[in-house]
Amino acid sequence: MTITLFSVPADLCERMKKIAPYLSFNGHCREAMEFYQQCLGGELHLQTVGDSPLSDSMPAHMKDTIVHALLRIRQMEIMGSDMAGENGLQKGNAISMMLDCSSENEIHEIYTKLAAGGEATHPVHVSFWGALFGDLVDKFGHHWLLHFDNRQTD
């Protein structure tokens, strides 16, 4: 059963390119993104305040602050920054990072790496829907959900 609450232009999904997580940090963006790269692989690009057009207008102590980070892993992207709005960084539990893993080995390996120094809230287990599932909070306070369904067909 499909319930439609509002009308969306028919070509909206065709116009959208993607949605990607953009994580905020409080001075730990470089450390966190390097940690995610160690856990997940991929290519990491970092831009500091000192390397950006903002350099001249920012205090000297902020020159090494990360303005923008991009971790590219195959077709996925995770972005981040140390730049917070005037209210500062406000952590919450409203957003989780969901990784749909490609093998049983991968889900266990990535779970172990991401949980290091964090909280392994629900270790990887066979869920009631039959897939392997686990969740954790990493050492930077971000919530991760990991999933692998060996019944998947590509």
N, C-alpha and C. Protein backbone atom coordinates (compact mmCIF):
# COMPACT_ATOMS: atom_id res chain seq x y z
N MET A 1 0.84 -1.17 0.00
CA MET A 1 0.00 0.00 0.00
C MET A 1 0.89 1.24 0.00
N THR A 2 0.57 2.20 -0.85
CA THR A 2 1.30 3.46 -0.92
C THR A 2 0.38 4.58 -0.48
N ILE A 3 0.88 5.42 0.40
CA ILE A 3 0.12 6.58 0.87
C ILE A 3 0.83 7.82 0.37
N THR A 4 0.14 8.69 -0.33
CA THR A 4 0.71 9.92 -0.85
C THR A 4 0.21 11.07 0.01
N LEU A 5 1.15 11.77 0.66
CA LEU A 5 0.78 12.88 1.52
C LEU A 5 0.85 14.21 0.79
N PHE A 6 1.69 14.29 -0.23
CA PHE A 6 1.81 15.52 -1.00
C PHE A 6 2.30 15.16 -2.39
N SER A 7 2.12 16.06 -3.31
CA SER A 7 2.50 15.82 -4.69
C SER A 7 3.94 16.30 -4.93
N VAL A 8 4.70 15.48 -5.62
CA VAL A 8 6.09 15.81 -5.98
C VAL A 8 6.18 15.78 -7.50
N PRO A 9 6.87 16.76 -8.09
CA PRO A 9 7.01 16.74 -9.54
C PRO A 9 7.56 15.39 -10.01
N ALA A 10 7.01 14.87 -11.08
CA ALA A 10 7.36 13.53 -11.57
C ALA A 10 8.84 13.38 -11.87
N ASP A 11 9.50 14.44 -12.31
CA ASP A 11 10.90 14.32 -12.69
C ASP A 11 11.87 14.68 -11.56
N LEU A 12 11.37 14.88 -10.33
CA LEU A 12 12.23 15.29 -9.23
C LEU A 12 13.37 14.30 -9.00
N CYS A 13 13.05 13.03 -8.94
CA CYS A 13 14.09 12.02 -8.70
C CYS A 13 15.09 11.97 -9.84
N GLU A 14 14.66 12.27 -11.02
CA GLU A 14 15.57 12.28 -12.16
C GLU A 14 16.50 13.49 -12.11
N ARG A 15 16.06 14.60 -11.49
CA ARG A 15 16.89 15.81 -11.40
C ARG A 15 17.89 15.72 -10.26
N MET A 16 17.52 15.06 -9.17
CA MET A 16 18.43 14.96 -8.03
C MET A 16 19.59 14.04 -8.39
N LYS A 17 20.79 14.43 -7.98
CA LYS A 17 21.96 13.61 -8.28
C LYS A 17 22.25 12.63 -7.16
N LYS A 18 22.21 13.09 -5.89
CA LYS A 18 22.50 12.21 -4.76
C LYS A 18 22.25 12.96 -3.46
N ILE A 19 22.29 12.21 -2.39
CA ILE A 19 22.28 12.80 -1.07
C ILE A 19 23.49 12.21 -0.34
N ALA A 20 24.21 13.05 0.38
CA ALA A 20 25.43 12.59 1.05
C ALA A 20 25.50 13.20 2.45
N PRO A 21 26.02 12.45 3.40
CA PRO A 21 26.15 12.98 4.75
C PRO A 21 27.23 14.06 4.84
N TYR A 22 26.95 15.09 5.61
CA TYR A 22 27.90 16.16 5.89
C TYR A 22 27.97 16.29 7.40
N LEU A 23 29.10 15.84 7.97
CA LEU A 23 29.26 15.76 9.41
C LEU A 23 29.96 17.00 9.96
N SER A 24 29.51 17.45 11.12
CA SER A 24 30.13 18.59 11.79
C SER A 24 30.98 18.11 12.95
N PHE A 25 32.12 18.76 13.12
CA PHE A 25 33.05 18.41 14.19
C PHE A 25 33.44 19.68 14.93
N ASN A 26 33.95 19.50 16.10
CA ASN A 26 34.38 20.62 16.92
C ASN A 26 35.90 20.61 17.03
N GLY A 27 36.57 20.83 15.88
CA GLY A 27 38.03 20.83 15.87
C GLY A 27 38.65 19.46 15.65
N HIS A 28 37.85 18.44 15.40
CA HIS A 28 38.36 17.09 15.23
C HIS A 28 38.09 16.52 13.84
N CYS A 29 37.79 17.38 12.89
CA CYS A 29 37.42 16.91 11.55
C CYS A 29 38.55 16.12 10.90
N ARG A 30 39.76 16.63 10.93
CA ARG A 30 40.89 15.93 10.30
C ARG A 30 41.05 14.55 10.93
N GLU A 31 41.08 14.49 12.25
CA GLU A 31 41.26 13.23 12.97
C GLU A 31 40.13 12.25 12.63
N ALA A 32 38.90 12.75 12.64
CA ALA A 32 37.74 11.89 12.36
C ALA A 32 37.76 11.37 10.92
N MET A 33 38.00 12.25 9.96
CA MET A 33 37.97 11.84 8.56
C MET A 33 39.13 10.89 8.25
N GLU A 34 40.29 11.08 8.88
CA GLU A 34 41.39 10.14 8.69
C GLU A 34 41.04 8.79 9.32
N PHE A 35 40.34 8.81 10.45
CA PHE A 35 39.87 7.58 11.09
C PHE A 35 38.88 6.86 10.17
N TYR A 36 37.93 7.58 9.60
CA TYR A 36 36.96 6.96 8.69
C TYR A 36 37.66 6.39 7.46
N GLN A 37 38.67 7.09 6.98
CA GLN A 37 39.43 6.57 5.84
C GLN A 37 40.14 5.28 6.21
N GLN A 38 40.73 5.20 7.40
CA GLN A 38 41.37 3.97 7.85
C GLN A 38 40.37 2.83 7.96
N CYS A 39 39.15 3.15 8.39
CA CYS A 39 38.12 2.12 8.57
C CYS A 39 37.49 1.69 7.25
N LEU A 40 37.27 2.65 6.35
CA LEU A 40 36.46 2.39 5.16
C LEU A 40 37.25 2.43 3.86
N GLY A 41 38.49 2.93 3.90
CA GLY A 41 39.26 3.09 2.68
C GLY A 41 38.87 4.39 1.99
N GLY A 42 39.22 4.49 0.73
CA GLY A 42 38.83 5.65 -0.05
C GLY A 42 39.91 6.71 -0.14
N GLU A 43 39.56 7.80 -0.82
CA GLU A 43 40.46 8.92 -1.06
C GLU A 43 39.96 10.13 -0.28
N LEU A 44 40.84 10.73 0.52
CA LEU A 44 40.47 11.84 1.39
C LEU A 44 41.07 13.15 0.90
N HIS A 45 40.22 14.17 0.81
CA HIS A 45 40.65 15.53 0.45
C HIS A 45 40.28 16.45 1.60
N LEU A 46 41.24 17.27 2.06
CA LEU A 46 41.02 18.20 3.16
C LEU A 46 41.37 19.61 2.70
N GLN A 47 40.53 20.58 3.07
CA GLN A 47 40.83 21.98 2.80
C GLN A 47 40.79 22.73 4.13
N THR A 48 41.87 23.41 4.47
CA THR A 48 41.93 24.17 5.71
C THR A 48 41.53 25.63 5.46
N VAL A 49 41.26 26.34 6.54
CA VAL A 49 40.99 27.77 6.44
C VAL A 49 42.16 28.47 5.76
N GLY A 50 43.38 28.08 6.15
CA GLY A 50 44.58 28.69 5.59
C GLY A 50 44.74 28.49 4.10
N ASP A 51 44.15 27.41 3.57
CA ASP A 51 44.23 27.11 2.13
C ASP A 51 43.02 27.62 1.35
N SER A 52 42.15 28.37 2.02
CA SER A 52 40.91 28.79 1.38
C SER A 52 40.86 30.32 1.23
N PRO A 53 39.89 30.80 0.46
CA PRO A 53 39.71 32.25 0.34
C PRO A 53 39.35 32.91 1.69
N LEU A 54 38.95 32.14 2.68
CA LEU A 54 38.62 32.69 4.00
C LEU A 54 39.86 33.09 4.80
N SER A 55 41.01 32.65 4.39
CA SER A 55 42.25 32.78 5.16
C SER A 55 42.49 34.19 5.70
N ASP A 56 42.36 35.20 4.86
CA ASP A 56 42.66 36.57 5.28
C ASP A 56 41.66 37.13 6.28
N SER A 57 40.45 36.60 6.30
CA SER A 57 39.42 37.15 7.19
C SER A 57 39.25 36.36 8.48
N MET A 58 40.05 35.31 8.68
CA MET A 58 39.91 34.47 9.87
C MET A 58 41.11 34.67 10.80
N PRO A 59 40.90 34.46 12.11
CA PRO A 59 42.01 34.58 13.05
C PRO A 59 43.11 33.55 12.76
N ALA A 60 44.33 33.91 13.09
CA ALA A 60 45.49 33.05 12.82
C ALA A 60 45.35 31.67 13.45
N HIS A 61 44.74 31.58 14.63
CA HIS A 61 44.62 30.29 15.31
C HIS A 61 43.68 29.32 14.59
N MET A 62 42.95 29.81 13.58
CA MET A 62 42.02 28.96 12.83
C MET A 62 42.59 28.48 11.50
N LYS A 63 43.82 28.82 11.17
CA LYS A 63 44.39 28.50 9.86
C LYS A 63 44.39 26.99 9.56
N ASP A 64 44.54 26.14 10.59
CA ASP A 64 44.55 24.69 10.37
C ASP A 64 43.18 24.05 10.52
N THR A 65 42.15 24.86 10.80
CA THR A 65 40.78 24.37 10.93
C THR A 65 40.29 23.86 9.57
N ILE A 66 39.59 22.74 9.56
CA ILE A 66 39.10 22.17 8.30
C ILE A 66 37.81 22.87 7.88
N VAL A 67 37.87 23.50 6.71
CA VAL A 67 36.69 24.14 6.12
C VAL A 67 35.82 23.07 5.45
N HIS A 68 36.49 22.16 4.73
CA HIS A 68 35.74 21.13 4.00
C HIS A 68 36.61 19.88 3.87
N ALA A 69 35.99 18.75 4.16
CA ALA A 69 36.63 17.45 3.98
C ALA A 69 35.73 16.58 3.11
N LEU A 70 36.34 15.79 2.27
CA LEU A 70 35.60 14.88 1.40
C LEU A 70 36.32 13.54 1.38
N LEU A 71 35.60 12.50 1.79
CA LEU A 71 36.11 11.13 1.72
C LEU A 71 35.27 10.41 0.66
N ARG A 72 35.94 10.01 -0.42
CA ARG A 72 35.28 9.31 -1.52
C ARG A 72 35.63 7.83 -1.43
N ILE A 73 34.59 7.00 -1.30
CA ILE A 73 34.75 5.55 -1.20
C ILE A 73 33.88 4.93 -2.29
N ARG A 74 34.51 4.42 -3.33
CA ARG A 74 33.78 3.90 -4.49
C ARG A 74 32.74 4.95 -4.93
N GLN A 75 31.46 4.64 -4.87
CA GLN A 75 30.41 5.57 -5.30
C GLN A 75 29.84 6.40 -4.15
N MET A 76 30.41 6.26 -2.96
CA MET A 76 29.89 6.96 -1.78
C MET A 76 30.77 8.15 -1.43
N GLU A 77 30.18 9.13 -0.74
CA GLU A 77 30.92 10.27 -0.24
C GLU A 77 30.48 10.58 1.18
N ILE A 78 31.45 10.91 2.02
CA ILE A 78 31.18 11.44 3.35
C ILE A 78 31.92 12.77 3.41
N MET A 79 31.22 13.83 3.81
CA MET A 79 31.84 15.14 3.90
C MET A 79 31.80 15.62 5.34
N GLY A 80 32.64 16.61 5.64
CA GLY A 80 32.66 17.13 6.99
C GLY A 80 33.37 18.47 7.07
N SER A 81 33.27 19.10 8.26
CA SER A 81 33.86 20.40 8.49
C SER A 81 33.98 20.67 9.99
N ASP A 82 34.93 21.53 10.34
CA ASP A 82 35.03 22.03 11.70
C ASP A 82 34.27 23.35 11.86
N MET A 83 33.77 23.89 10.78
CA MET A 83 33.09 25.18 10.83
C MET A 83 31.67 25.00 11.35
N ALA A 84 31.39 25.61 12.48
CA ALA A 84 30.05 25.52 13.07
C ALA A 84 29.41 26.90 13.03
N GLY A 85 28.10 26.92 13.05
CA GLY A 85 27.37 28.18 13.04
C GLY A 85 27.57 28.94 14.35
N GLU A 86 26.92 30.09 14.46
CA GLU A 86 27.11 30.93 15.65
C GLU A 86 26.63 30.28 16.93
N ASN A 87 25.75 29.28 16.85
CA ASN A 87 25.29 28.55 18.03
C ASN A 87 26.22 27.41 18.42
N GLY A 88 27.27 27.19 17.63
CA GLY A 88 28.21 26.12 17.94
C GLY A 88 27.67 24.77 17.52
N LEU A 89 28.44 23.75 17.81
CA LEU A 89 28.07 22.38 17.45
C LEU A 89 27.10 21.82 18.48
N GLN A 90 26.00 21.30 18.00
CA GLN A 90 25.00 20.69 18.87
C GLN A 90 24.80 19.25 18.42
N LYS A 91 25.42 18.31 19.14
CA LYS A 91 25.31 16.88 18.80
C LYS A 91 23.92 16.39 19.15
N GLY A 92 23.46 15.43 18.38
CA GLY A 92 22.16 14.83 18.63
C GLY A 92 22.11 13.43 18.07
N ASN A 93 20.98 12.79 18.22
CA ASN A 93 20.84 11.42 17.75
C ASN A 93 19.80 11.32 16.64
N ALA A 94 19.54 12.41 15.95
CA ALA A 94 18.52 12.41 14.92
C ALA A 94 19.00 11.85 13.58
N ILE A 95 20.29 11.75 13.39
CA ILE A 95 20.85 11.28 12.11
C ILE A 95 21.81 10.13 12.38
N SER A 96 21.76 9.12 11.54
CA SER A 96 22.69 8.00 11.60
C SER A 96 23.30 7.79 10.23
N MET A 97 24.52 7.27 10.22
CA MET A 97 25.18 6.89 8.97
C MET A 97 24.86 5.42 8.75
N MET A 98 24.28 5.07 7.61
CA MET A 98 23.90 3.69 7.29
C MET A 98 24.84 3.14 6.23
N LEU A 99 25.53 2.04 6.56
CA LEU A 99 26.40 1.38 5.59
C LEU A 99 25.78 0.04 5.22
N ASP A 100 25.49 -0.13 3.96
CA ASP A 100 25.00 -1.40 3.44
C ASP A 100 26.22 -2.15 2.91
N CYS A 101 26.70 -3.11 3.67
CA CYS A 101 27.96 -3.80 3.38
C CYS A 101 27.78 -4.85 2.29
N SER A 102 28.90 -5.23 1.67
CA SER A 102 28.84 -6.17 0.55
C SER A 102 29.17 -7.60 0.93
N SER A 103 29.58 -7.85 2.19
CA SER A 103 29.86 -9.22 2.60
C SER A 103 29.81 -9.33 4.13
N GLU A 104 29.72 -10.56 4.60
CA GLU A 104 29.73 -10.81 6.04
C GLU A 104 31.07 -10.39 6.64
N ASN A 105 32.14 -10.68 5.95
CA ASN A 105 33.47 -10.28 6.42
C ASN A 105 33.57 -8.77 6.52
N GLU A 106 33.06 -8.06 5.52
CA GLU A 106 33.14 -6.60 5.50
C GLU A 106 32.37 -5.99 6.66
N ILE A 107 31.17 -6.46 6.97
CA ILE A 107 30.39 -5.86 8.05
C ILE A 107 31.11 -6.03 9.39
N HIS A 108 31.69 -7.21 9.62
CA HIS A 108 32.40 -7.44 10.88
C HIS A 108 33.68 -6.58 10.96
N GLU A 109 34.41 -6.51 9.86
CA GLU A 109 35.66 -5.75 9.82
C GLU A 109 35.41 -4.26 10.05
N ILE A 110 34.45 -3.70 9.34
CA ILE A 110 34.16 -2.27 9.46
C ILE A 110 33.58 -1.96 10.84
N TYR A 111 32.70 -2.82 11.35
CA TYR A 111 32.12 -2.61 12.68
C TYR A 111 33.23 -2.52 13.73
N THR A 112 34.16 -3.45 13.69
CA THR A 112 35.26 -3.47 14.66
C THR A 112 36.09 -2.19 14.57
N LYS A 113 36.38 -1.76 13.36
CA LYS A 113 37.19 -0.55 13.17
C LYS A 113 36.45 0.69 13.66
N LEU A 114 35.19 0.86 13.26
CA LEU A 114 34.44 2.06 13.65
C LEU A 114 34.16 2.10 15.15
N ALA A 115 34.00 0.94 15.79
CA ALA A 115 33.68 0.89 17.22
C ALA A 115 34.90 1.18 18.10
N ALA A 116 36.10 1.11 17.54
CA ALA A 116 37.32 1.32 18.33
C ALA A 116 37.28 2.71 18.98
N GLY A 117 37.34 2.73 20.29
CA GLY A 117 37.31 3.99 21.04
C GLY A 117 35.93 4.58 21.21
N GLY A 118 34.92 3.93 20.63
CA GLY A 118 33.54 4.39 20.74
C GLY A 118 32.72 3.44 21.59
N GLU A 119 31.45 3.33 21.26
CA GLU A 119 30.55 2.46 22.01
C GLU A 119 29.87 1.47 21.06
N ALA A 120 30.15 0.18 21.25
CA ALA A 120 29.54 -0.87 20.43
C ALA A 120 28.16 -1.16 21.02
N THR A 121 27.17 -0.36 20.65
CA THR A 121 25.85 -0.43 21.27
C THR A 121 25.11 -1.73 20.96
N HIS A 122 25.18 -2.19 19.73
CA HIS A 122 24.55 -3.46 19.33
C HIS A 122 25.49 -4.17 18.37
N PRO A 123 26.28 -5.12 18.87
CA PRO A 123 27.20 -5.85 18.00
C PRO A 123 26.46 -6.53 16.83
N VAL A 124 27.20 -6.81 15.78
CA VAL A 124 26.62 -7.44 14.59
C VAL A 124 25.98 -8.76 14.97
N HIS A 125 24.73 -8.93 14.53
CA HIS A 125 23.97 -10.14 14.85
C HIS A 125 22.96 -10.38 13.72
N VAL A 126 22.38 -11.56 13.71
CA VAL A 126 21.31 -11.85 12.74
C VAL A 126 20.04 -11.19 13.26
N SER A 127 19.51 -10.28 12.48
CA SER A 127 18.32 -9.53 12.88
C SER A 127 17.05 -10.36 12.65
N PHE A 128 15.95 -9.84 13.17
CA PHE A 128 14.68 -10.54 12.99
C PHE A 128 14.26 -10.62 11.53
N TRP A 129 14.78 -9.74 10.67
CA TRP A 129 14.44 -9.80 9.24
C TRP A 129 15.42 -10.66 8.46
N GLY A 130 16.37 -11.28 9.17
CA GLY A 130 17.26 -12.25 8.55
C GLY A 130 18.59 -11.74 8.07
N ALA A 131 18.82 -10.44 8.11
CA ALA A 131 20.09 -9.86 7.68
C ALA A 131 21.01 -9.66 8.88
N LEU A 132 22.31 -9.54 8.62
CA LEU A 132 23.24 -9.15 9.67
C LEU A 132 23.09 -7.65 9.90
N PHE A 133 23.06 -7.25 11.16
CA PHE A 133 22.85 -5.84 11.50
C PHE A 133 23.57 -5.52 12.79
N GLY A 134 24.10 -4.33 12.90
CA GLY A 134 24.71 -3.85 14.13
C GLY A 134 24.74 -2.33 14.12
N ASP A 135 24.82 -1.74 15.31
CA ASP A 135 25.00 -0.29 15.35
C ASP A 135 25.96 0.09 16.45
N LEU A 136 26.51 1.29 16.32
CA LEU A 136 27.53 1.77 17.25
C LEU A 136 27.56 3.29 17.22
N VAL A 137 28.20 3.86 18.23
CA VAL A 137 28.52 5.29 18.25
C VAL A 137 30.03 5.37 18.21
N ASP A 138 30.58 6.05 17.19
CA ASP A 138 32.03 6.12 17.07
C ASP A 138 32.63 7.09 18.10
N LYS A 139 33.94 7.14 18.16
CA LYS A 139 34.61 7.95 19.17
C LYS A 139 34.42 9.45 18.97
N PHE A 140 33.78 9.84 17.87
CA PHE A 140 33.48 11.25 17.61
C PHE A 140 32.01 11.57 17.88
N GLY A 141 31.26 10.57 18.38
CA GLY A 141 29.87 10.78 18.75
C GLY A 141 28.87 10.57 17.63
N HIS A 142 29.30 10.06 16.47
CA HIS A 142 28.38 9.82 15.36
C HIS A 142 27.86 8.39 15.40
N HIS A 143 26.56 8.25 15.12
CA HIS A 143 25.86 6.96 15.16
C HIS A 143 25.94 6.28 13.80
N TRP A 144 26.32 5.00 13.79
CA TRP A 144 26.45 4.22 12.56
C TRP A 144 25.56 2.99 12.63
N LEU A 145 24.90 2.68 11.53
CA LEU A 145 24.13 1.45 11.35
C LEU A 145 24.82 0.66 10.25
N LEU A 146 25.09 -0.62 10.49
CA LEU A 146 25.73 -1.47 9.48
C LEU A 146 24.81 -2.63 9.16
N HIS A 147 24.70 -2.97 7.90
CA HIS A 147 23.74 -3.95 7.42
C HIS A 147 24.38 -4.80 6.33
N PHE A 148 24.13 -6.10 6.37
CA PHE A 148 24.49 -6.98 5.26
C PHE A 148 23.42 -8.05 5.15
N ASP A 149 22.85 -8.14 3.96
CA ASP A 149 21.81 -9.14 3.70
C ASP A 149 22.33 -10.07 2.61
N ASN A 150 22.70 -11.30 2.99
CA ASN A 150 23.24 -12.23 1.99
C ASN A 150 22.16 -12.72 1.04
N ARG A 151 20.91 -12.33 1.28
CA ARG A 151 19.82 -12.68 0.37
C ARG A 151 19.67 -11.66 -0.74
N GLN A 152 20.49 -10.57 -0.68
CA GLN A 152 20.40 -9.49 -1.66
C GLN A 152 20.74 -10.02 -3.05
N THR A 153 20.09 -9.48 -4.02
CA THR A 153 20.43 -9.78 -5.41
C THR A 153 20.68 -8.44 -6.10
N ASP A 154 21.80 -8.36 -6.79
CA ASP A 154 22.15 -7.12 -7.50
C ASP A 154 21.77 -7.20 -8.95
